């Protein structure tokens, strides 16, 4: 039988993507939707200004939106997908865990906590077992796993493919789509005919989350990767798809051909939302491009290209769909991992 799932923050951009991905999913059944107090009590059709590029699912449209409170979610819901703003998530997500719900969260709050697994399943699936430490330390009947920031998800799989060469220094400059800021995050007057060379707190997320994701878990404690990471984050007028320019210095010599082979051969997982291949490597020097390549692997693949050797190590570009692989799809994939590993 399908796992009964709830979506917190269901009316927002990531919440709508979650519904789009979960509605046809054979392993999950949408059983509860929550949103702000102003939306509670309305049908989902009334509460959500649907903006996703497919029709609103009929069986979801007439569901009644609930308040974002554990007491308002049915007890037979087994898994919660959270797309709440981080300020709200920090307040309410622990309450759901205390109430016994398992939470797969896209919200940024708690990602760097020592006992909360930050997971990209193809990169560090073993980190999911931090949930045992988390339950012991917090006394939760439920549990919480996080997926990383949308820009972090874009380049970390490519780094994971190169770890055998010894990662020492990484420089990344992002060209991030406006959807990453949410519907109201960037106005048209700000972004049309423009680029914004600053995204608040984004650089820190790339620099810290990447080291946690590529760290080592010994069953009791997680040690972060020792590589140095420096990031510069920029908003550009594309709708979806974060494009990133990456420079990597390694302990061992690394040619562009060897890096391309390592990325092509980097494995996906036997989970429904994990694409094959995980990393699509382009030989063309002008790829990947957001409009042309963001939907590879149903929006769950990472694309790489422009691999070349430089005075600053290996240089390349990478791209991922920021609201699918970088947000909603990442949470769904973590839900599949939780199910596969017996946590739900």
Protein backbone atom coordinates (compact mmCIF):
# COMPACT_ATOMS: atom_id res chain seq x y z
CA UNK A 1 0.00 0.00 0.00
CA UNK A 2 1.10 3.57 -0.68
CA UNK A 3 2.55 5.61 2.15
CA UNK A 4 0.12 8.31 3.28
CA UNK A 5 1.89 11.67 2.99
CA UNK A 6 1.26 15.24 4.02
CA UNK A 7 2.64 18.43 2.47
CA UNK A 8 3.43 21.43 4.67
CA UNK A 9 3.42 24.76 2.85
CA UNK A 10 1.40 23.21 0.05
CA UNK A 11 0.34 26.45 -1.65
CA UNK A 12 3.87 27.80 -2.27
CA UNK A 13 6.16 27.26 -5.25
CA UNK A 14 7.94 24.19 -3.86
CA UNK A 15 4.71 22.87 -2.32
CA UNK A 16 3.07 22.90 -5.75
CA UNK A 17 6.05 21.07 -7.27
CA UNK A 18 5.75 18.48 -4.50
CA UNK A 19 2.10 17.91 -5.37
CA UNK A 20 2.95 17.63 -9.06
CA UNK A 21 5.57 14.95 -8.30
CA UNK A 22 3.68 13.10 -5.57
CA UNK A 23 0.27 12.82 -7.24
CA UNK A 24 1.34 10.16 -9.79
CA UNK A 25 3.92 8.54 -7.49
CA UNK A 26 3.11 4.86 -6.85
CA UNK A 27 4.70 4.82 -3.38
CA UNK A 28 3.00 7.89 -1.90
CA UNK A 29 -0.59 9.03 -1.46
CA UNK A 30 -1.30 12.70 -0.70
CA UNK A 31 -3.45 12.60 2.44
CA UNK A 32 -3.05 16.08 3.97
CA UNK A 33 -2.20 19.60 2.81
CA UNK A 34 -1.32 22.47 5.12
CA UNK A 35 -0.69 26.16 4.61
CA UNK A 36 -1.00 29.47 6.45
CA UNK A 37 -3.93 30.31 8.69
CA UNK A 38 -5.47 32.45 5.92
CA UNK A 39 -5.65 29.41 3.61
CA UNK A 40 -6.85 26.86 6.18
CA UNK A 41 -10.42 25.70 5.64
CA UNK A 42 -10.43 26.48 1.92
CA UNK A 43 -10.24 23.93 -0.86
CA UNK A 44 -6.76 23.61 -2.32
CA UNK A 45 -8.08 25.00 -5.61
CA UNK A 46 -9.24 28.13 -3.79
CA UNK A 47 -6.16 28.52 -1.62
CA UNK A 48 -3.40 27.94 -4.18
CA UNK A 49 -2.67 30.14 -7.15
CA UNK A 50 -1.54 27.19 -9.27
CA UNK A 51 1.56 28.08 -11.32
CA UNK A 52 3.13 24.72 -12.16
CA UNK A 53 3.45 23.70 -15.83
CA UNK A 54 0.80 20.96 -15.64
CA UNK A 55 -2.87 20.96 -14.58
CA UNK A 56 -3.69 20.87 -10.88
CA UNK A 57 -4.47 17.22 -10.00
CA UNK A 58 -8.23 16.71 -9.71
CA UNK A 59 -7.99 14.56 -6.58
CA UNK A 60 -5.97 17.28 -4.84
CA UNK A 61 -7.89 20.33 -6.01
CA UNK A 62 -10.91 19.65 -3.78
CA UNK A 63 -8.94 18.66 -0.67
CA UNK A 64 -9.40 20.97 2.30
CA UNK A 65 -6.26 22.83 3.37
CA UNK A 66 -5.43 22.37 7.04
CA UNK A 67 -3.52 24.49 9.52
CA UNK A 68 0.19 23.70 9.84
CA UNK A 69 -0.13 22.03 13.21
CA UNK A 70 0.52 18.38 14.19
CA UNK A 71 -2.88 18.25 15.87
CA UNK A 72 -4.58 19.11 12.57
CA UNK A 73 -2.90 16.34 10.54
CA UNK A 74 -4.41 12.81 10.59
CA UNK A 75 -2.56 10.27 12.72
CA UNK A 76 -2.40 7.78 9.85
CA UNK A 77 -0.12 10.08 7.83
CA UNK A 78 3.28 8.35 7.82
CA UNK A 79 5.49 10.90 6.07
CA UNK A 80 5.54 14.69 5.97
CA UNK A 81 7.09 16.68 3.12
CA UNK A 82 7.91 20.20 4.28
CA UNK A 83 8.38 23.19 1.98
CA UNK A 84 7.91 25.82 4.66
CA UNK A 85 9.88 29.07 4.86
CA UNK A 86 12.82 28.44 7.15
CA UNK A 87 11.54 30.79 9.87
CA UNK A 88 8.27 28.86 10.03
CA UNK A 89 9.97 25.47 9.65
CA UNK A 90 12.21 26.16 12.64
CA UNK A 91 9.11 26.71 14.77
CA UNK A 92 6.83 23.89 13.63
CA UNK A 93 8.91 21.03 12.15
CA UNK A 94 10.28 19.84 15.53
CA UNK A 95 6.70 19.64 16.80
CA UNK A 96 5.79 17.24 14.00
CA UNK A 97 8.83 15.08 14.86
CA UNK A 98 7.88 15.07 18.54
CA UNK A 99 4.38 13.99 17.52
CA UNK A 100 5.85 10.96 15.74
CA UNK A 101 5.88 12.13 12.12
CA UNK A 102 8.87 11.50 9.85
CA UNK A 103 9.69 14.74 8.01
CA UNK A 104 11.49 15.10 4.69
CA UNK A 105 12.19 18.82 4.59
CA UNK A 106 13.33 21.28 1.96
CA UNK A 107 13.50 24.14 4.49
CA UNK A 108 16.97 25.48 5.34
CA UNK A 109 16.53 25.51 9.13
CA UNK A 110 18.53 22.80 10.90
CA UNK A 111 20.49 21.64 7.85
CA UNK A 112 23.82 22.10 9.60
CA UNK A 113 22.76 20.61 12.95
CA UNK A 114 25.09 17.77 13.92
CA UNK A 115 22.29 15.21 14.32
CA UNK A 116 20.15 16.11 11.29
CA UNK A 117 21.11 14.22 8.13
CA UNK A 118 21.61 16.46 5.10
CA UNK A 119 21.23 14.06 2.21
CA UNK A 120 21.56 13.73 -1.54
CA UNK A 121 20.77 10.00 -1.81
CA UNK A 122 23.18 9.32 -4.69
CA UNK A 123 25.99 11.09 -2.80
CA UNK A 124 25.70 10.21 0.91
CA UNK A 125 22.86 7.72 1.54
CA UNK A 126 24.67 6.35 4.60
CA UNK A 127 24.13 9.69 6.38
CA UNK A 128 20.44 8.80 6.73
CA UNK A 129 21.45 6.65 9.71
CA UNK A 130 22.12 9.87 11.65
CA UNK A 131 18.40 9.55 12.37
CA UNK A 132 19.28 6.97 15.03
CA UNK A 133 21.56 9.49 16.74
CA UNK A 134 18.91 12.17 16.33
CA UNK A 135 16.20 10.11 17.99
CA UNK A 136 18.48 9.19 20.88
CA UNK A 137 19.54 12.78 21.48
CA UNK A 138 16.19 14.50 20.99
CA UNK A 139 13.83 11.82 22.24
CA UNK A 140 11.70 12.08 19.10
CA UNK A 141 9.37 9.30 18.01
CA UNK A 142 9.51 10.84 14.56
CA UNK A 143 12.56 12.06 12.66
CA UNK A 144 13.77 14.75 10.27
CA UNK A 145 15.96 14.60 7.17
CA UNK A 146 16.91 17.61 5.08
CA UNK A 147 17.84 18.08 1.45
CA UNK A 148 20.37 20.82 0.72
CA UNK A 149 20.01 24.19 -0.94
CA UNK A 150 19.11 24.15 -4.64
CA UNK A 151 22.48 25.62 -5.65
CA UNK A 152 24.39 23.16 -3.46
CA UNK A 153 22.58 20.20 -5.05
CA UNK A 154 23.69 21.38 -8.48
CA UNK A 155 27.45 21.07 -8.01
CA UNK A 156 27.95 18.55 -5.19
CA UNK A 157 27.18 15.43 -7.29
CA UNK A 158 29.89 16.50 -9.75
CA UNK A 159 32.32 16.91 -6.84
CA UNK A 160 31.33 13.51 -5.45
CA UNK A 161 32.39 11.97 -8.76
CA UNK A 162 35.89 13.46 -8.28
CA UNK A 163 36.54 12.56 -4.63
CA UNK A 164 39.01 9.79 -5.50
CA UNK A 165 41.36 12.51 -6.76
CA UNK A 166 41.37 14.28 -3.39
CA UNK A 167 39.34 17.50 -3.30
CA UNK A 168 41.41 20.39 -1.95
CA UNK A 169 39.90 23.68 -3.13
CA UNK A 170 36.63 24.46 -4.90
CA UNK A 171 35.52 27.79 -6.32
CA UNK A 172 31.96 28.10 -7.62
CA UNK A 173 30.11 31.01 -9.22
CA UNK A 174 26.36 30.53 -9.65
CA UNK A 175 23.91 31.93 -12.20
CA UNK A 176 20.63 31.26 -10.43
CA UNK A 177 17.10 31.34 -11.85
CA UNK A 178 14.43 33.64 -10.43
CA UNK A 179 12.19 30.74 -9.34
CA UNK A 180 14.74 30.03 -6.64
CA UNK A 181 13.57 33.18 -4.87
CA UNK A 182 9.88 32.16 -4.91
CA UNK A 183 6.99 33.86 -6.65
CA UNK A 184 7.48 37.19 -4.91
CA UNK A 185 11.23 37.04 -4.35
CA UNK A 186 12.49 39.14 -7.26
CA UNK A 187 10.37 41.73 -9.04
CA UNK A 188 10.41 42.14 -12.82
CA UNK A 189 11.87 45.66 -12.45
CA UNK A 190 14.81 44.18 -10.55
CA UNK A 191 15.71 41.31 -12.86
CA UNK A 192 14.71 42.14 -16.46
CA UNK A 193 17.75 43.42 -18.39
CA UNK A 194 19.82 42.84 -15.28
CA UNK A 195 21.82 40.46 -13.09
CA UNK A 196 22.04 40.69 -9.32
CA UNK A 197 25.49 39.73 -7.95
CA UNK A 198 24.31 38.87 -4.46
CA UNK A 199 21.82 36.43 -2.93
CA UNK A 200 21.52 36.71 0.82
CA UNK A 201 23.02 33.80 2.82
CA UNK A 202 23.40 31.72 -0.35
CA UNK A 203 27.18 31.72 -0.46
CA UNK A 204 27.44 30.35 3.05
CA UNK A 205 25.04 27.52 2.19
CA UNK A 206 27.18 26.34 -0.72
CA UNK A 207 30.36 26.57 1.31
CA UNK A 208 29.13 24.74 4.41
CA UNK A 209 26.51 22.29 3.09
CA UNK A 210 28.90 20.87 0.48
CA UNK A 211 31.45 19.99 3.17
CA UNK A 212 28.79 18.28 5.29
CA UNK A 213 27.41 16.31 2.34
CA UNK A 214 30.86 15.00 1.40
CA UNK A 215 31.81 14.24 5.01
CA UNK A 216 32.35 10.85 6.66
CA UNK A 217 29.82 9.25 9.03
CA UNK A 218 31.17 6.57 11.37
CA UNK A 219 27.81 5.49 12.76
CA UNK A 220 27.91 7.91 15.67
CA UNK A 221 29.43 11.16 14.44
CA UNK A 222 29.76 13.06 11.17
CA UNK A 223 33.09 14.64 10.19
CA UNK A 224 32.87 17.30 7.50
CA UNK A 225 35.05 17.16 4.40
CA UNK A 226 38.23 19.22 4.75
CA UNK A 227 38.15 20.84 1.31
CA UNK A 228 38.07 24.63 1.05
CA UNK A 229 35.03 26.06 -0.75
CA UNK A 230 34.45 29.64 -1.91
CA UNK A 231 31.19 30.70 -3.60
CA UNK A 232 29.84 33.73 -5.44
CA UNK A 233 26.08 33.74 -6.09
CA UNK A 234 24.28 35.68 -8.81
CA UNK A 235 20.62 35.97 -9.83
CA UNK A 236 19.94 36.07 -13.58
CA UNK A 237 16.70 36.40 -15.62
CA UNK A 238 16.08 32.72 -16.33
CA UNK A 239 12.93 31.10 -14.92
CA UNK A 240 14.24 27.66 -13.91
CA UNK A 241 17.64 26.01 -13.87
CA UNK A 242 20.73 27.01 -11.89
CA UNK A 243 23.89 27.17 -14.01
CA UNK A 244 27.20 27.12 -12.13
CA UNK A 245 30.86 27.67 -13.08
CA UNK A 246 33.20 25.49 -11.04
CA UNK A 247 36.98 25.33 -10.52
CA UNK A 248 38.41 22.34 -8.61
CA UNK A 249 41.94 21.80 -7.32
CA UNK A 250 42.79 18.20 -6.41
CA UNK A 251 45.64 16.39 -4.67
CA UNK A 252 46.21 14.11 -7.67
CA UNK A 253 46.53 15.24 -11.26
CA UNK A 254 43.11 15.40 -12.90
CA UNK A 255 42.62 15.76 -16.63
CA UNK A 256 39.42 16.91 -18.26
CA UNK A 257 39.00 13.51 -19.91
CA UNK A 258 39.38 11.66 -16.61
CA UNK A 259 36.90 14.00 -14.92
CA UNK A 260 34.38 13.55 -17.71
CA UNK A 261 34.67 9.76 -17.44
CA UNK A 262 34.28 9.88 -13.64
CA UNK A 263 31.14 11.99 -13.94
CA UNK A 264 29.62 9.80 -16.65
CA UNK A 265 30.23 6.66 -14.60
CA UNK A 266 29.03 8.08 -11.28
CA UNK A 267 26.14 5.81 -10.26
CA UNK A 268 22.51 6.62 -9.67
CA UNK A 269 20.41 4.63 -7.20
CA UNK A 270 17.67 2.06 -7.56
CA UNK A 271 15.08 4.60 -6.44
CA UNK A 272 12.23 5.78 -8.62
CA UNK A 273 13.30 9.43 -8.76
CA UNK A 274 17.02 8.82 -9.25
CA UNK A 275 17.79 9.29 -12.97
CA UNK A 276 20.07 7.22 -15.16
CA UNK A 277 22.54 8.70 -15.79
CA UNK A 278 22.72 10.95 -12.76
CA UNK A 279 25.26 13.25 -14.45
CA UNK A 280 24.90 13.98 -18.15
CA UNK A 281 28.23 15.16 -19.56
CA UNK A 282 28.17 17.29 -22.71
CA UNK A 283 31.06 17.40 -25.16
CA UNK A 284 29.76 20.61 -26.73
CA UNK A 285 31.57 23.65 -25.25
CA UNK A 286 28.38 25.74 -25.02
CA UNK A 287 26.36 23.27 -22.94
CA UNK A 288 24.63 22.83 -20.57
CA UNK A 289 22.15 25.69 -20.96
CA UNK A 290 19.16 26.28 -18.64
CA UNK A 291 16.40 26.46 -21.25
CA UNK A 292 17.64 23.43 -23.17
CA UNK A 293 18.94 21.11 -20.47
CA UNK A 294 17.14 21.71 -17.16
CA UNK A 295 14.60 18.91 -17.71
CA UNK A 296 17.11 16.11 -18.35
CA UNK A 297 16.12 13.01 -16.43
CA UNK A 298 12.70 14.49 -15.73
CA UNK A 299 14.39 17.46 -14.08
CA UNK A 300 16.33 15.21 -11.68
CA UNK A 301 19.61 14.87 -13.61
CA UNK A 302 22.66 17.10 -13.25
CA UNK A 303 24.29 18.29 -16.48
CA UNK A 304 27.98 19.11 -16.84
CA UNK A 305 30.04 20.48 -19.70
CA UNK A 306 32.90 22.72 -20.73
CA UNK A 307 35.42 20.50 -18.93
CA UNK A 308 38.94 21.84 -19.36
CA UNK A 309 42.22 22.13 -17.50
CA UNK A 310 43.13 25.59 -16.23
CA UNK A 311 45.80 27.25 -14.05
CA UNK A 312 43.31 26.89 -11.20
CA UNK A 313 42.68 23.18 -11.69
CA UNK A 314 39.78 21.54 -13.48
CA UNK A 315 37.19 23.99 -14.82
CA UNK A 316 33.64 23.09 -15.85
CA UNK A 317 30.00 24.17 -15.84
CA UNK A 318 27.07 22.33 -14.30
CA UNK A 319 23.30 22.75 -14.25
CA UNK A 320 20.26 21.38 -12.45
CA UNK A 321 16.56 22.21 -12.32
CA UNK A 322 16.33 24.16 -9.09
CA UNK A 323 12.70 23.47 -8.14
CA UNK A 324 12.76 19.78 -9.14
CA UNK A 325 16.21 18.29 -8.42
CA UNK A 326 17.04 21.28 -6.23
CA UNK A 327 13.93 21.29 -4.06
CA UNK A 328 10.71 19.26 -4.41
CA UNK A 329 12.25 16.34 -6.27
CA UNK A 330 15.07 16.17 -3.74
CA UNK A 331 12.57 15.89 -0.89
CA UNK A 332 10.64 13.17 -2.72
CA UNK A 333 13.88 11.28 -3.38
CA UNK A 334 14.75 11.51 0.32
CA UNK A 335 11.27 10.15 1.04
CA UNK A 336 12.03 7.19 -1.22
CA UNK A 337 15.30 6.62 0.63
CA UNK A 338 13.49 6.74 4.00
CA UNK A 339 11.08 4.12 2.72
CA UNK A 340 13.84 1.97 1.23
CA UNK A 341 15.82 2.05 4.48
CA UNK A 342 12.84 1.19 6.64
CA UNK A 343 12.40 4.50 8.44
CA UNK A 344 8.75 4.67 7.37
